[in-house]
Amino acid sequence: MGTYRFFIEGTLYWENRVVYTGKLEWGGKGQDSIPVKVQRFHSSQTNEYMITDLKACHIKN
């Protein structure tokens, strides 16, 4: 039980880094949609949006 943060990191062509973060409440009921924030580092115009629309959910068994 509690609040947890998750981080998903991707690297595009070894130079452009993208990090997605979010928080979820563990315990209680599941979450159909968890807000995800994106942060880009060293983005070039060519590959900036290669990874998009990341979605997260918490499915309770």
PDB file of N, CA and C in Angstrom:
ATOM      1  N   MET A   1       0.840  -1.174   0.000  1.00  0.00           N
ATOM      2  CA  MET A   1       0.000   0.000   0.000  1.00  0.00           C
ATOM      3  C   MET A   1       0.886   1.239   0.000  1.00  0.00           C
ATOM      4  N   GLY A   2       0.440   2.256  -0.674  1.00  0.00           N
ATOM      5  CA  GLY A   2       1.172   3.503  -0.679  1.00  0.00           C
ATOM      6  C   GLY A   2       1.261   4.089  -2.075  1.00  0.00           C
ATOM      7  N   THR A   3       1.971   5.201  -2.168  1.00  0.00           N
ATOM      8  CA  THR A   3       2.174   5.900  -3.435  1.00  0.00           C
ATOM      9  C   THR A   3       3.538   5.518  -3.997  1.00  0.00           C
ATOM     10  N   TYR A   4       3.562   5.142  -5.264  1.00  0.00           N
ATOM     11  CA  TYR A   4       4.806   4.736  -5.928  1.00  0.00           C
ATOM     12  C   TYR A   4       5.014   5.566  -7.184  1.00  0.00           C
ATOM     13  N   ARG A   5       6.270   5.860  -7.475  1.00  0.00           N
ATOM     14  CA  ARG A   5       6.635   6.571  -8.706  1.00  0.00           C
ATOM     15  C   ARG A   5       7.286   5.574  -9.650  1.00  0.00           C
ATOM     16  N   PHE A   6       7.036   5.754 -10.940  1.00  0.00           N
ATOM     17  CA  PHE A   6       7.724   4.921 -11.922  1.00  0.00           C
ATOM     18  C   PHE A   6       8.427   5.815 -12.925  1.00  0.00           C
ATOM     19  N   PHE A   7       9.503   5.286 -13.484  1.00  0.00           N
ATOM     20  CA  PHE A   7      10.323   5.987 -14.467  1.00  0.00           C
ATOM     21  C   PHE A   7      10.576   5.043 -15.633  1.00  0.00           C
ATOM     22  N   ILE A   8      10.389   5.533 -16.832  1.00  0.00           N
ATOM     23  CA  ILE A   8      10.692   4.770 -18.038  1.00  0.00           C
ATOM     24  C   ILE A   8      11.602   5.651 -18.877  1.00  0.00           C
ATOM     25  N   GLU A   9      12.783   5.138 -19.190  1.00  0.00           N
ATOM     26  CA  GLU A   9      13.770   5.923 -19.936  1.00  0.00           C
ATOM     27  C   GLU A   9      14.024   5.274 -21.288  1.00  0.00           C
ATOM     28  N   GLY A  10      14.106   6.100 -22.305  1.00  0.00           N
ATOM     29  CA  GLY A  10      14.423   5.623 -23.644  1.00  0.00           C
ATOM     30  C   GLY A  10      15.527   6.471 -24.249  1.00  0.00           C
ATOM     31  N   THR A  11      16.320   5.877 -25.103  1.00  0.00           N
ATOM     32  CA  THR A  11      17.379   6.590 -25.803  1.00  0.00           C
ATOM     33  C   THR A  11      17.150   6.417 -27.303  1.00  0.00           C
ATOM     34  N   LEU A  12      17.169   7.503 -28.019  1.00  0.00           N
ATOM     35  CA  LEU A  12      16.937   7.491 -29.458  1.00  0.00           C
ATOM     36  C   LEU A  12      18.247   7.764 -30.184  1.00  0.00           C
ATOM     37  N   TYR A  13      18.741   6.789 -30.862  1.00  0.00           N
ATOM     38  CA  TYR A  13      19.977   6.917 -31.638  1.00  0.00           C
ATOM     39  C   TYR A  13      21.157   7.393 -30.797  1.00  0.00           C
ATOM     40  N   TRP A  14      21.242   6.944 -29.561  1.00  0.00           N
ATOM     41  CA  TRP A  14      22.376   7.188 -28.660  1.00  0.00           C
ATOM     42  C   TRP A  14      22.636   8.656 -28.357  1.00  0.00           C
ATOM     43  N   GLU A  15      21.731   9.548 -28.698  1.00  0.00           N
ATOM     44  CA  GLU A  15      21.983  10.957 -28.408  1.00  0.00           C
ATOM     45  C   GLU A  15      20.785  11.658 -27.795  1.00  0.00           C
ATOM     46  N   ASN A  16      19.589  11.258 -28.115  1.00  0.00           N
ATOM     47  CA  ASN A  16      18.386  11.899 -27.593  1.00  0.00           C
ATOM     48  C   ASN A  16      17.778  11.012 -26.520  1.00  0.00           C
ATOM     49  N   ARG A  17      17.625  11.561 -25.318  1.00  0.00           N
ATOM     50  CA  ARG A  17      17.097  10.779 -24.203  1.00  0.00           C
ATOM     51  C   ARG A  17      15.708  11.292 -23.846  1.00  0.00           C
ATOM     52  N   VAL A  18      14.800  10.388 -23.514  1.00  0.00           N
ATOM     53  CA  VAL A  18      13.454  10.754 -23.089  1.00  0.00           C
ATOM     54  C   VAL A  18      13.139   9.975 -21.811  1.00  0.00           C
ATOM     55  N   VAL A  19      12.526  10.655 -20.827  1.00  0.00           N
ATOM     56  CA  VAL A  19      12.158  10.025 -19.564  1.00  0.00           C
ATOM     57  C   VAL A  19      10.676  10.293 -19.305  1.00  0.00           C
ATOM     58  N   TYR A  20       9.935   9.219 -19.045  1.00  0.00           N
ATOM     59  CA  TYR A  20       8.527   9.324 -18.677  1.00  0.00           C
ATOM     60  C   TYR A  20       8.405   9.001 -17.197  1.00  0.00           C
ATOM     61  N   THR A  21       7.591   9.774 -16.463  1.00  0.00           N
ATOM     62  CA  THR A  21       7.398   9.533 -15.039  1.00  0.00           C
ATOM     63  C   THR A  21       5.909   9.576 -14.702  1.00  0.00           C
ATOM     64  N   GLY A  22       5.559   8.904 -13.638  1.00  0.00           N
ATOM     65  CA  GLY A  22       4.181   8.926 -13.165  1.00  0.00           C
ATOM     66  C   GLY A  22       4.098   8.401 -11.744  1.00  0.00           C
ATOM     67  N   LYS A  23       2.935   8.591 -11.127  1.00  0.00           N
ATOM     68  CA  LYS A  23       2.698   8.109  -9.765  1.00  0.00           C
ATOM     69  C   LYS A  23       1.457   7.242  -9.771  1.00  0.00           C
ATOM     70  N   LEU A  24       1.495   6.185  -8.964  1.00  0.00           N
ATOM     71  CA  LEU A  24       0.312   5.357  -8.826  1.00  0.00           C
ATOM     72  C   LEU A  24       0.086   5.010  -7.365  1.00  0.00           C
ATOM     73  N   GLU A  25      -1.170   4.787  -7.035  1.00  0.00           N
ATOM     74  CA  GLU A  25      -1.565   4.401  -5.679  1.00  0.00           C
ATOM     75  C   GLU A  25      -1.708   2.885  -5.642  1.00  0.00           C
ATOM     76  N   TRP A  26      -0.844   2.223  -4.898  1.00  0.00           N
ATOM     77  CA  TRP A  26      -0.898   0.767  -4.788  1.00  0.00           C
ATOM     78  C   TRP A  26      -1.834   0.398  -3.637  1.00  0.00           C
ATOM     79  N   GLY A  27      -2.676  -0.572  -3.870  1.00  0.00           N
ATOM     80  CA  GLY A  27      -3.702  -0.910  -2.905  1.00  0.00           C
ATOM     81  C   GLY A  27      -5.009  -0.294  -3.386  1.00  0.00           C
ATOM     82  N   GLY A  28      -6.064  -0.545  -2.699  1.00  0.00           N
ATOM     83  CA  GLY A  28      -7.339   0.020  -3.131  1.00  0.00           C
ATOM     84  C   GLY A  28      -7.717  -0.497  -4.508  1.00  0.00           C
ATOM     85  N   LYS A  29      -8.412   0.317  -5.284  1.00  0.00           N
ATOM     86  CA  LYS A  29      -8.821  -0.126  -6.616  1.00  0.00           C
ATOM     87  C   LYS A  29      -7.767   0.257  -7.650  1.00  0.00           C
ATOM     88  N   GLY A  30      -7.815  -0.365  -8.809  1.00  0.00           N
ATOM     89  CA  GLY A  30      -6.877  -0.068  -9.889  1.00  0.00           C
ATOM     90  C   GLY A  30      -7.148   1.296 -10.504  1.00  0.00           C
ATOM     91  N   GLN A  31      -6.251   1.738 -11.365  1.00  0.00           N
ATOM     92  CA  GLN A  31      -6.387   3.006 -12.060  1.00  0.00           C
ATOM     93  C   GLN A  31      -6.388   2.734 -13.558  1.00  0.00           C
ATOM     94  N   ASP A  32      -7.461   3.139 -14.235  1.00  0.00           N
ATOM     95  CA  ASP A  32      -7.555   2.943 -15.680  1.00  0.00           C
ATOM     96  C   ASP A  32      -6.560   3.802 -16.439  1.00  0.00           C
ATOM     97  N   SER A  33      -6.279   4.978 -15.904  1.00  0.00           N
ATOM     98  CA  SER A  33      -5.363   5.898 -16.585  1.00  0.00           C
ATOM     99  C   SER A  33      -4.522   6.633 -15.556  1.00  0.00           C
ATOM    100  N   ILE A  34      -3.210   6.527 -15.688  1.00  0.00           N
ATOM    101  CA  ILE A  34      -2.274   7.214 -14.795  1.00  0.00           C
ATOM    102  C   ILE A  34      -1.613   8.326 -15.597  1.00  0.00           C
ATOM    103  N   PRO A  35      -1.701   9.572 -15.133  1.00  0.00           N
ATOM    104  CA  PRO A  35      -1.040  10.669 -15.862  1.00  0.00           C
ATOM    105  C   PRO A  35       0.462  10.418 -15.965  1.00  0.00           C
ATOM    106  N   VAL A  36       1.010  10.625 -17.163  1.00  0.00           N
ATOM    107  CA  VAL A  36       2.429  10.413 -17.431  1.00  0.00           C
ATOM    108  C   VAL A  36       3.030  11.724 -17.932  1.00  0.00           C
ATOM    109  N   LYS A  37       4.138  12.139 -17.312  1.00  0.00           N
ATOM    110  CA  LYS A  37       4.857  13.343 -17.748  1.00  0.00           C
ATOM    111  C   LYS A  37       6.051  12.926 -18.585  1.00  0.00           C
ATOM    112  N   VAL A  38       6.393  13.746 -19.561  1.00  0.00           N
ATOM    113  CA  VAL A  38       7.537  13.456 -20.427  1.00  0.00           C
ATOM    114  C   VAL A  38       8.582  14.563 -20.273  1.00  0.00           C
ATOM    115  N   GLN A  39       9.846  14.159 -20.282  1.00  0.00           N
ATOM    116  CA  GLN A  39      10.966  15.091 -20.231  1.00  0.00           C
ATOM    117  C   GLN A  39      11.971  14.665 -21.292  1.00  0.00           C
ATOM    118  N   ARG A  40      12.349  15.578 -22.161  1.00  0.00           N
ATOM    119  CA  ARG A  40      13.274  15.266 -23.248  1.00  0.00           C
ATOM    120  C   ARG A  40      14.615  15.956 -23.008  1.00  0.00           C
ATOM    121  N   PHE A  41      15.700  15.255 -23.356  1.00  0.00           N
ATOM    122  CA  PHE A  41      17.055  15.780 -23.178  1.00  0.00           C
ATOM    123  C   PHE A  41      17.793  15.688 -24.512  1.00  0.00           C
ATOM    124  N   HIS A  42      18.476  16.727 -24.884  1.00  0.00           N
ATOM    125  CA  HIS A  42      19.292  16.755 -26.101  1.00  0.00           C
ATOM    126  C   HIS A  42      18.480  16.381 -27.334  1.00  0.00           C
ATOM    127  N   SER A  43      17.258  16.872 -27.397  1.00  0.00           N
ATOM    128  CA  SER A  43      16.383  16.516 -28.512  1.00  0.00           C
ATOM    129  C   SER A  43      16.862  17.162 -29.804  1.00  0.00           C
ATOM    130  N   SER A  44      16.852  16.375 -30.845  1.00  0.00           N
ATOM    131  CA  SER A  44      17.077  16.926 -32.179  1.00  0.00           C
ATOM    132  C   SER A  44      15.739  16.881 -32.894  1.00  0.00           C
ATOM    133  N   GLN A  45      15.546  17.742 -33.830  1.00  0.00           N
ATOM    134  CA  GLN A  45      14.281  17.806 -34.556  1.00  0.00           C
ATOM    135  C   GLN A  45      13.971  16.496 -35.261  1.00  0.00           C
ATOM    136  N   THR A  46      14.993  15.772 -35.686  1.00  0.00           N
ATOM    137  CA  THR A  46      14.794  14.562 -36.477  1.00  0.00           C
ATOM    138  C   THR A  46      14.104  13.454 -35.706  1.00  0.00           C
ATOM    139  N   ASN A  47      14.537  13.185 -34.476  1.00  0.00           N
ATOM    140  CA  ASN A  47      14.039  12.026 -33.727  1.00  0.00           C
ATOM    141  C   ASN A  47      13.258  12.393 -32.473  1.00  0.00           C
ATOM    142  N   GLU A  48      12.923  13.641 -32.302  1.00  0.00           N
ATOM    143  CA  GLU A  48      12.347  14.110 -31.046  1.00  0.00           C
ATOM    144  C   GLU A  48      11.070  13.370 -30.656  1.00  0.00           C
ATOM    145  N   TYR A  49      10.224  13.038 -31.599  1.00  0.00           N
ATOM    146  CA  TYR A  49       8.928  12.430 -31.270  1.00  0.00           C
ATOM    147  C   TYR A  49       8.828  10.985 -31.741  1.00  0.00           C
ATOM    148  N   MET A  50       9.937  10.260 -31.702  1.00  0.00           N
ATOM    149  CA  MET A  50       9.934   8.860 -32.098  1.00  0.00           C
ATOM    150  C   MET A  50       9.161   7.997 -31.103  1.00  0.00           C
ATOM    151  N   ILE A  51       9.227   8.330 -29.827  1.00  0.00           N
ATOM    152  CA  ILE A  51       8.445   7.645 -28.798  1.00  0.00           C
ATOM    153  C   ILE A  51       7.388   8.631 -28.330  1.00  0.00           C
ATOM    154  N   THR A  52       6.108   8.293 -28.534  1.00  0.00           N
ATOM    155  CA  THR A  52       5.026   9.200 -28.156  1.00  0.00           C
ATOM    156  C   THR A  52       3.871   8.421 -27.536  1.00  0.00           C
ATOM    157  N   ASP A  53       2.977   9.142 -26.958  1.00  0.00           N
ATOM    158  CA  ASP A  53       1.714   8.603 -26.440  1.00  0.00           C
ATOM    159  C   ASP A  53       1.878   7.415 -25.498  1.00  0.00           C
ATOM    160  N   LEU A  54       2.825   7.499 -24.586  1.00  0.00           N
ATOM    161  CA  LEU A  54       2.990   6.441 -23.594  1.00  0.00           C
ATOM    162  C   LEU A  54       1.815   6.496 -22.629  1.00  0.00           C
ATOM    163  N   LYS A  55       1.223   5.352 -22.351  1.00  0.00           N
ATOM    164  CA  LYS A  55       0.077   5.272 -21.436  1.00  0.00           C
ATOM    165  C   LYS A  55       0.397   4.272 -20.340  1.00  0.00           C
ATOM    166  N   ALA A  56      -0.124   4.529 -19.150  1.00  0.00           N
ATOM    167  CA  ALA A  56       0.086   3.637 -18.016  1.00  0.00           C
ATOM    168  C   ALA A  56      -1.228   3.403 -17.305  1.00  0.00           C
ATOM    169  N   CYS A  57      -1.378   2.193 -16.768  1.00  0.00           N
ATOM    170  CA  CYS A  57      -2.554   1.869 -15.967  1.00  0.00           C
ATOM    171  C   CYS A  57      -2.151   0.871 -14.888  1.00  0.00           C
ATOM    172  N   HIS A  58      -2.942   0.801 -13.843  1.00  0.00           N
ATOM    173  CA  HIS A  58      -2.709  -0.139 -12.742  1.00  0.00           C
ATOM    174  C   HIS A  58      -3.903  -1.083 -12.736  1.00  0.00           C
ATOM    175  N   ILE A  59      -3.666  -2.330 -13.073  1.00  0.00           N
ATOM    176  CA  ILE A  59      -4.729  -3.330 -13.136  1.00  0.00           C
ATOM    177  C   ILE A  59      -4.695  -4.153 -11.856  1.00  0.00           C
ATOM    178  N   LYS A  60      -5.773  -4.113 -11.127  1.00  0.00           N
ATOM    179  CA  LYS A  60      -5.842  -4.878  -9.881  1.00  0.00           C
ATOM    180  C   LYS A  60      -6.377  -6.265 -10.184  1.00  0.00           C
ATOM    181  N   ASN A  61      -5.697  -7.278  -9.677  1.00  0.00           N
ATOM    182  CA  ASN A  61      -6.140  -8.668  -9.878  1.00  0.00           C
ATOM    183  C   ASN A  61      -7.250  -9.024  -8.942  1.00  0.00           C
TER     184      ASN A  61
END
